[in-house]
Amino acid sequence: MASPIVPFSQLRQVFITPRCPQQQNGTVERVICTFKEQCAHRHRFENIQYASRVVGDWIRIYNHRARTRRST
């Protein structure tokens, strides 16, 4: 079942192979955990516009930091 936010974002949903989550899901689980710690649990999202702005800002910062770490 697709997430309700996927159609409104620039995300592409990809399903992992059944019964193989350890090999394919570790990176995703780490990103989700980091997102919850750094963004979702620190804000009270009153409406979709605010949530979209905050999450979008977090994604841009996260991606910039990830690119910086990879280039060093």
C-alpha atoms as a PDB file:
ATOM      1  CA  MET A   1       0.000   0.000   0.000  1.00  0.00           C
ATOM      2  CA  ALA A   2       1.449   3.365  -0.994  1.00  0.00           C
ATOM      3  CA  SER A   3       2.068   6.034   1.599  1.00  0.00           C
ATOM      4  CA  PRO A   4      -0.429   8.910   1.351  1.00  0.00           C
ATOM      5  CA  ILE A   5       2.410  11.451   1.034  1.00  0.00           C
ATOM      6  CA  VAL A   6       4.223   9.754  -1.859  1.00  0.00           C
ATOM      7  CA  PRO A   7       1.915  11.135  -4.601  1.00  0.00           C
ATOM      8  CA  PHE A   8       2.513  14.701  -3.349  1.00  0.00           C
ATOM      9  CA  SER A   9       6.284  14.454  -3.109  1.00  0.00           C
ATOM     10  CA  GLN A  10       9.182  13.825  -5.422  1.00  0.00           C
ATOM     11  CA  LEU A  11       9.689  10.441  -3.807  1.00  0.00           C
ATOM     12  CA  ARG A  12       9.534   7.152  -5.615  1.00  0.00           C
ATOM     13  CA  GLN A  13       8.356   4.241  -3.520  1.00  0.00           C
ATOM     14  CA  VAL A  14      10.331   1.022  -3.950  1.00  0.00           C
ATOM     15  CA  PHE A  15       9.367  -2.184  -2.201  1.00  0.00           C
ATOM     16  CA  ILE A  16      12.010  -4.503  -0.786  1.00  0.00           C
ATOM     17  CA  THR A  17      12.143  -8.213  -1.580  1.00  0.00           C
ATOM     18  CA  PRO A  18       9.914 -10.133   0.838  1.00  0.00           C
ATOM     19  CA  ARG A  19      11.770 -11.935   3.640  1.00  0.00           C
ATOM     20  CA  CYS A  20      15.056 -10.096   2.913  1.00  0.00           C
ATOM     21  CA  PRO A  21      14.805  -6.898   4.969  1.00  0.00           C
ATOM     22  CA  GLN A  22      18.219  -7.154   6.624  1.00  0.00           C
ATOM     23  CA  GLN A  23      20.100  -6.908   3.329  1.00  0.00           C
ATOM     24  CA  GLN A  24      17.983  -4.177   1.761  1.00  0.00           C
ATOM     25  CA  ASN A  25      16.480  -2.142   4.556  1.00  0.00           C
ATOM     26  CA  GLY A  26      19.330  -1.073   6.854  1.00  0.00           C
ATOM     27  CA  THR A  27      20.060   2.275   5.209  1.00  0.00           C
ATOM     28  CA  VAL A  28      16.392   3.182   5.017  1.00  0.00           C
ATOM     29  CA  GLU A  29      15.848   2.287   8.671  1.00  0.00           C
ATOM     30  CA  ARG A  30      18.789   4.519   9.652  1.00  0.00           C
ATOM     31  CA  VAL A  31      17.409   7.473   7.669  1.00  0.00           C
ATOM     32  CA  ILE A  32      13.952   7.019   9.207  1.00  0.00           C
ATOM     33  CA  CYS A  33      15.413   6.865  12.717  1.00  0.00           C
ATOM     34  CA  THR A  34      17.514   9.985  12.066  1.00  0.00           C
ATOM     35  CA  PHE A  35      14.475  11.793  10.631  1.00  0.00           C
ATOM     36  CA  LYS A  36      12.420  10.990  13.714  1.00  0.00           C
ATOM     37  CA  GLU A  37      15.187  12.088  16.097  1.00  0.00           C
ATOM     38  CA  GLN A  38      16.137  15.292  14.270  1.00  0.00           C
ATOM     39  CA  CYS A  39      12.817  16.424  12.834  1.00  0.00           C
ATOM     40  CA  ALA A  40       9.544  14.613  13.488  1.00  0.00           C
ATOM     41  CA  HIS A  41       9.835  14.384  17.268  1.00  0.00           C
ATOM     42  CA  ARG A  42      10.886  18.032  17.582  1.00  0.00           C
ATOM     43  CA  HIS A  43       7.892  19.615  15.870  1.00  0.00           C
ATOM     44  CA  ARG A  44       4.154  19.680  16.281  1.00  0.00           C
ATOM     45  CA  PHE A  45       2.803  19.722  12.750  1.00  0.00           C
ATOM     46  CA  GLU A  46      -0.414  21.745  12.822  1.00  0.00           C
ATOM     47  CA  ASN A  47      -1.085  21.552   9.071  1.00  0.00           C
ATOM     48  CA  ILE A  48       0.263  19.989   5.896  1.00  0.00           C
ATOM     49  CA  GLN A  49       1.878  23.225   4.694  1.00  0.00           C
ATOM     50  CA  TYR A  50       3.963  23.558   7.859  1.00  0.00           C
ATOM     51  CA  ALA A  51       4.875  19.872   7.797  1.00  0.00           C
ATOM     52  CA  SER A  52       5.864  20.080   4.149  1.00  0.00           C
ATOM     53  CA  ARG A  53       8.119  23.086   4.775  1.00  0.00           C
ATOM     54  CA  VAL A  54       9.810  21.625   7.863  1.00  0.00           C
ATOM     55  CA  VAL A  55      10.318  18.187   6.328  1.00  0.00           C
ATOM     56  CA  GLY A  56      11.541  19.692   3.057  1.00  0.00           C
ATOM     57  CA  ASP A  57      14.064  21.830   4.937  1.00  0.00           C
ATOM     58  CA  TRP A  58      15.244  18.796   6.913  1.00  0.00           C
ATOM     59  CA  ILE A  59      15.667  16.734   3.725  1.00  0.00           C
ATOM     60  CA  ARG A  60      17.726  19.484   2.080  1.00  0.00           C
ATOM     61  CA  ILE A  61      19.991  19.773   5.141  1.00  0.00           C
ATOM     62  CA  TYR A  62      20.295  15.984   5.468  1.00  0.00           C
ATOM     63  CA  ASN A  63      21.188  15.554   1.794  1.00  0.00           C
ATOM     64  CA  HIS A  64      23.725  18.397   1.919  1.00  0.00           C
ATOM     65  CA  ARG A  65      25.416  16.853   4.948  1.00  0.00           C
ATOM     66  CA  ALA A  66      25.394  13.417   3.315  1.00  0.00           C
ATOM     67  CA  ARG A  67      27.022  14.800   0.152  1.00  0.00           C
ATOM     68  CA  THR A  68      29.618  16.643   2.250  1.00  0.00           C
ATOM     69  CA  ARG A  69      30.464  13.484   4.194  1.00  0.00           C
ATOM     70  CA  ARG A  70      30.806  11.431   0.996  1.00  0.00           C
ATOM     71  CA  SER A  71      33.144  13.968  -0.629  1.00  0.00           C
ATOM     72  CA  THR A  72      35.637  14.000   2.253  1.00  0.00           C
END
